[in-house]
Protein backbone atom coordinates (compact mmCIF):
# COMPACT_ATOMS: atom_id res chain seq x y z
CA UNK A 1 33.87 -98.65 -192.24
CA UNK A 2 34.34 -95.00 -193.77
CA UNK A 3 37.80 -93.84 -192.92
CA UNK A 4 40.08 -90.93 -193.38
CA UNK A 5 43.75 -91.56 -193.61
CA UNK A 6 44.71 -88.25 -195.46
CA UNK A 7 44.16 -84.62 -194.25
CA UNK A 8 41.05 -84.05 -192.28
CA UNK A 9 39.01 -81.62 -194.37
CA UNK A 10 37.51 -78.70 -192.31
CA UNK A 11 33.88 -79.13 -191.93
CA UNK A 12 33.88 -82.95 -192.61
CA UNK A 13 31.14 -83.45 -189.89
CA UNK A 14 29.89 -79.94 -189.18
CA UNK A 15 29.34 -78.90 -192.89
CA UNK A 16 28.44 -82.63 -194.00
CA UNK A 17 25.99 -81.33 -196.81
CA UNK A 18 28.82 -79.63 -198.64
CA UNK A 19 31.08 -82.75 -198.30
CA UNK A 20 28.23 -84.82 -199.82
CA UNK A 21 27.99 -82.26 -202.85
CA UNK A 22 31.76 -82.91 -203.40
CA UNK A 23 31.18 -86.73 -203.35
CA UNK A 24 28.32 -86.26 -205.83
CA UNK A 25 30.53 -84.38 -208.18
CA UNK A 26 33.08 -87.21 -207.98
CA UNK A 27 30.14 -89.59 -208.88
CA UNK A 28 29.07 -87.48 -211.64
CA UNK A 29 32.71 -87.61 -213.29
CA UNK A 30 32.59 -91.40 -212.91
CA UNK A 31 29.31 -91.46 -214.87
CA UNK A 32 30.59 -89.13 -217.48
CA UNK A 33 33.34 -91.75 -218.20
CA UNK A 34 30.98 -94.63 -218.32
CA UNK A 35 28.42 -92.94 -220.77
CA UNK A 36 31.13 -91.56 -223.10
CA UNK A 37 30.45 -87.95 -222.20
CA UNK A 38 34.05 -87.48 -220.86
CA UNK A 39 35.54 -88.48 -224.17
CA UNK A 40 33.74 -85.69 -226.06
CA UNK A 41 35.36 -83.00 -223.84
CA UNK A 42 38.57 -81.08 -225.11
CA UNK A 43 42.00 -82.56 -224.07
CA UNK A 44 42.58 -79.62 -221.77
CA UNK A 45 39.15 -80.02 -219.99
CA UNK A 46 39.78 -83.75 -219.61
CA UNK A 47 43.07 -83.06 -217.86
CA UNK A 48 41.45 -80.75 -215.44
CA UNK A 49 38.57 -83.12 -214.75
CA UNK A 50 41.03 -85.89 -214.10
CA UNK A 51 43.19 -83.89 -211.70
CA UNK A 52 39.77 -82.81 -209.88
CA UNK A 53 38.86 -86.48 -209.69
CA UNK A 54 42.28 -87.66 -208.29
CA UNK A 55 42.00 -84.89 -205.65
CA UNK A 56 38.51 -85.78 -204.59
CA UNK A 57 39.48 -89.45 -204.44
CA UNK A 58 42.44 -88.96 -202.33
CA UNK A 59 40.63 -86.81 -199.83
CA UNK A 60 37.12 -88.23 -199.82
CA UNK A 61 37.34 -91.56 -201.89
CA UNK A 62 37.13 -93.65 -198.63
CA UNK A 63 33.85 -91.95 -197.41
CA UNK A 64 32.00 -91.87 -200.75
CA UNK A 65 29.41 -94.53 -199.36
CA UNK A 66 28.79 -92.60 -196.12
CA UNK A 67 25.34 -91.18 -196.51
CA UNK A 68 24.82 -89.84 -193.01
CA UNK A 69 26.95 -88.57 -189.98
CA UNK A 70 28.71 -91.32 -188.10
CA UNK A 71 27.37 -92.72 -184.73
CA UNK A 72 31.00 -92.66 -183.36
CA UNK A 73 34.41 -91.67 -184.26
CA UNK A 74 37.69 -93.42 -183.71
CA UNK A 75 40.92 -91.26 -183.99
CA UNK A 76 44.56 -92.44 -183.61
CA UNK A 77 46.27 -89.23 -182.85
CA UNK A 78 44.05 -86.52 -181.15
CA UNK A 79 46.75 -83.82 -181.37
CA UNK A 80 47.12 -84.01 -185.02
CA UNK A 81 43.40 -84.56 -185.54
CA UNK A 82 42.18 -81.77 -183.16
CA UNK A 83 39.78 -80.43 -185.77
CA UNK A 84 37.99 -83.93 -185.79
CA UNK A 85 37.80 -83.90 -182.06
CA UNK A 86 36.24 -80.44 -181.92
CA UNK A 87 33.56 -81.20 -184.59
CA UNK A 88 32.58 -84.43 -182.94
CA UNK A 89 32.22 -82.47 -179.61
CA UNK A 90 30.01 -79.94 -181.27
CA UNK A 91 27.70 -82.48 -182.84
CA UNK A 92 27.72 -84.68 -179.65
CA UNK A 93 29.30 -87.70 -181.52
CA UNK A 94 31.09 -90.04 -179.09
CA UNK A 95 34.83 -90.33 -179.68
CA UNK A 96 37.11 -93.29 -179.09
CA UNK A 97 40.71 -92.36 -179.32
CA UNK A 98 44.21 -93.51 -178.59
CA UNK A 99 45.50 -91.14 -175.99
CA UNK A 100 49.27 -90.83 -175.41
CA UNK A 101 50.86 -89.41 -172.29
CA UNK A 102 51.38 -86.02 -174.08
CA UNK A 103 47.69 -85.60 -174.82
CA UNK A 104 44.84 -84.22 -172.88
CA UNK A 105 42.11 -86.92 -172.45
CA UNK A 106 39.36 -84.49 -171.28
CA UNK A 107 37.37 -84.17 -174.59
CA UNK A 108 37.63 -87.82 -175.33
CA UNK A 109 34.54 -89.99 -174.40
CA UNK A 110 36.43 -93.36 -174.37
CA UNK A 111 40.10 -93.16 -173.83
CA UNK A 112 42.53 -95.92 -174.86
CA UNK A 113 45.87 -95.25 -173.10
CA UNK A 114 48.40 -96.18 -175.78
CA UNK A 115 51.57 -94.95 -177.80
CA UNK A 116 50.02 -93.25 -180.98
CA UNK A 117 53.42 -93.01 -182.67
CA UNK A 118 54.44 -96.65 -182.55
CA UNK A 119 53.40 -98.81 -185.64
CA UNK A 120 52.94 -102.00 -183.50
CA UNK A 121 50.92 -100.28 -180.98
CA UNK A 122 48.51 -98.77 -183.67
CA UNK A 123 48.47 -102.13 -185.46
CA UNK A 124 47.48 -104.02 -182.24
CA UNK A 125 44.67 -101.78 -181.37
CA UNK A 126 43.31 -101.43 -184.92
CA UNK A 127 43.11 -105.21 -185.30
CA UNK A 128 41.01 -105.45 -181.98
CA UNK A 129 39.00 -102.66 -183.23
CA UNK A 130 38.35 -104.42 -186.55
CA UNK A 131 37.35 -107.74 -184.91
CA UNK A 132 34.88 -105.88 -182.67
CA UNK A 133 33.27 -104.15 -185.68
CA UNK A 134 33.10 -107.49 -187.43
CA UNK A 135 31.40 -109.12 -184.57
CA UNK A 136 28.99 -106.31 -184.27
CA UNK A 137 28.16 -106.40 -187.84
CA UNK A 138 27.58 -110.06 -187.60
CA UNK A 139 25.17 -109.66 -184.66
CA UNK A 140 23.19 -106.96 -186.54
CA UNK A 141 22.84 -109.30 -189.39
CA UNK A 142 21.40 -112.05 -187.28
CA UNK A 143 18.99 -109.72 -185.47
CA UNK A 144 17.75 -108.51 -188.84
CA UNK A 145 17.28 -112.08 -190.07
CA UNK A 146 15.43 -113.00 -186.94
CA UNK A 147 13.12 -109.93 -187.40
CA UNK A 148 12.49 -110.87 -190.95
CA UNK A 149 11.70 -114.46 -190.07
CA UNK A 150 9.17 -113.32 -187.40
CA UNK A 151 7.45 -110.89 -189.79
CA UNK A 152 7.34 -113.68 -192.50
CA UNK A 153 5.88 -116.23 -189.76
CA UNK A 154 3.24 -113.63 -188.62
CA UNK A 155 2.29 -112.98 -192.42
CA UNK A 156 1.93 -116.90 -192.87
CA UNK A 157 -0.24 -116.97 -189.89
CA UNK A 158 -2.60 -114.34 -191.35
CA UNK A 159 -2.57 -115.84 -194.82
CA UNK A 160 -3.23 -119.64 -193.99
CA UNK A 161 -7.07 -119.14 -192.80
CA UNK A 162 -7.79 -117.54 -196.10
CA UNK A 163 -5.96 -120.31 -197.91
CA UNK A 164 -8.05 -122.95 -196.17
CA UNK A 165 -11.26 -121.18 -197.31
CA UNK A 166 -10.00 -120.90 -200.77
CA UNK A 167 -9.14 -124.70 -200.83
CA UNK A 168 -12.47 -125.63 -199.35
CA UNK A 169 -14.29 -123.72 -202.19
CA UNK A 170 -12.04 -125.26 -204.78
CA UNK A 171 -12.84 -128.81 -203.50
CA UNK A 172 -16.52 -128.30 -203.17
CA UNK A 173 -18.69 -130.02 -205.73
CA UNK A 174 -20.47 -127.65 -208.16
CA UNK A 175 -24.29 -127.42 -207.44
CA UNK A 176 -26.61 -128.17 -210.31
CA UNK A 177 -29.75 -126.10 -209.72
CA UNK A 178 -31.88 -127.34 -212.65
CA UNK A 179 -31.26 -131.03 -211.63
CA UNK A 180 -32.41 -130.36 -207.98
CA UNK A 181 -35.48 -128.64 -209.24
CA UNK A 182 -36.46 -131.71 -211.53
CA UNK A 183 -35.96 -134.14 -208.63
CA UNK A 184 -38.24 -132.14 -206.56
CA UNK A 185 -41.05 -132.17 -209.01
CA UNK A 186 -40.55 -135.95 -209.63
CA UNK A 187 -40.74 -136.89 -205.95
CA UNK A 188 -44.24 -137.73 -204.54
CA UNK A 189 -45.76 -135.05 -202.31
CA UNK A 190 -45.81 -136.03 -198.68
CA UNK A 191 -49.31 -137.22 -197.37
CA UNK A 192 -51.04 -134.79 -195.38
CA UNK A 193 -51.99 -135.59 -191.65
CA UNK A 194 -55.57 -137.10 -191.48
CA UNK A 195 -58.12 -134.83 -189.74
CA UNK A 196 -59.93 -136.41 -186.69
CA UNK A 197 -63.64 -137.57 -187.45
CA UNK A 198 -66.25 -135.33 -185.98
CA UNK A 199 -68.67 -136.94 -183.40
CA UNK A 200 -72.16 -137.79 -184.81
CA UNK A 201 -74.91 -135.24 -183.96
CA UNK A 202 -77.58 -138.08 -183.12
CA UNK A 203 -75.43 -139.18 -179.98
CA UNK A 204 -75.04 -135.62 -178.86
CA UNK A 205 -78.82 -135.16 -179.01
CA UNK A 206 -79.63 -138.36 -176.97
CA UNK A 207 -77.13 -137.16 -174.42
CA UNK A 208 -79.07 -134.04 -173.97
């Protein structure tokens, strides 16, 4: 999951397009190093670019793969990260947070009563959180696999009838039109039904 362990940059959520531009700048520097453009710069320019890259990596390196706003936010110390809480509230992003006795839980959607200063307390809750995230990702993966299997099965059901027709056409024997015509000519014509003989006229005259 994307995370911020250093200072929370102002506008991390509310001004997300600008943050994305900074991340793209960091990626551009990486491409310059890969294609050899970086080596063509002057020594002073290379030092400046390296310092800029280190600063961006420190503040934004952990969210360089985040292409959209998060669906939820988890905060350890809501007093120290008050700006993050305000930005999430402005964008209607639900917040999970460890809330100590000295903190106001009102702006937090899902309160976790805990000591946000003790290392063991933070470690315990973070371990549970990471396990829950892993379970959720595994369930999502299974759902996607089931959906893909269903789509594949529906596609096979649509393709099978056409496949049977093709096989039937392939297995059918070729028809020789010329041979059939010759056989029809050689076969004797069927005898026409005999007509009934007419009654003799002499007998008809006697009857009259």
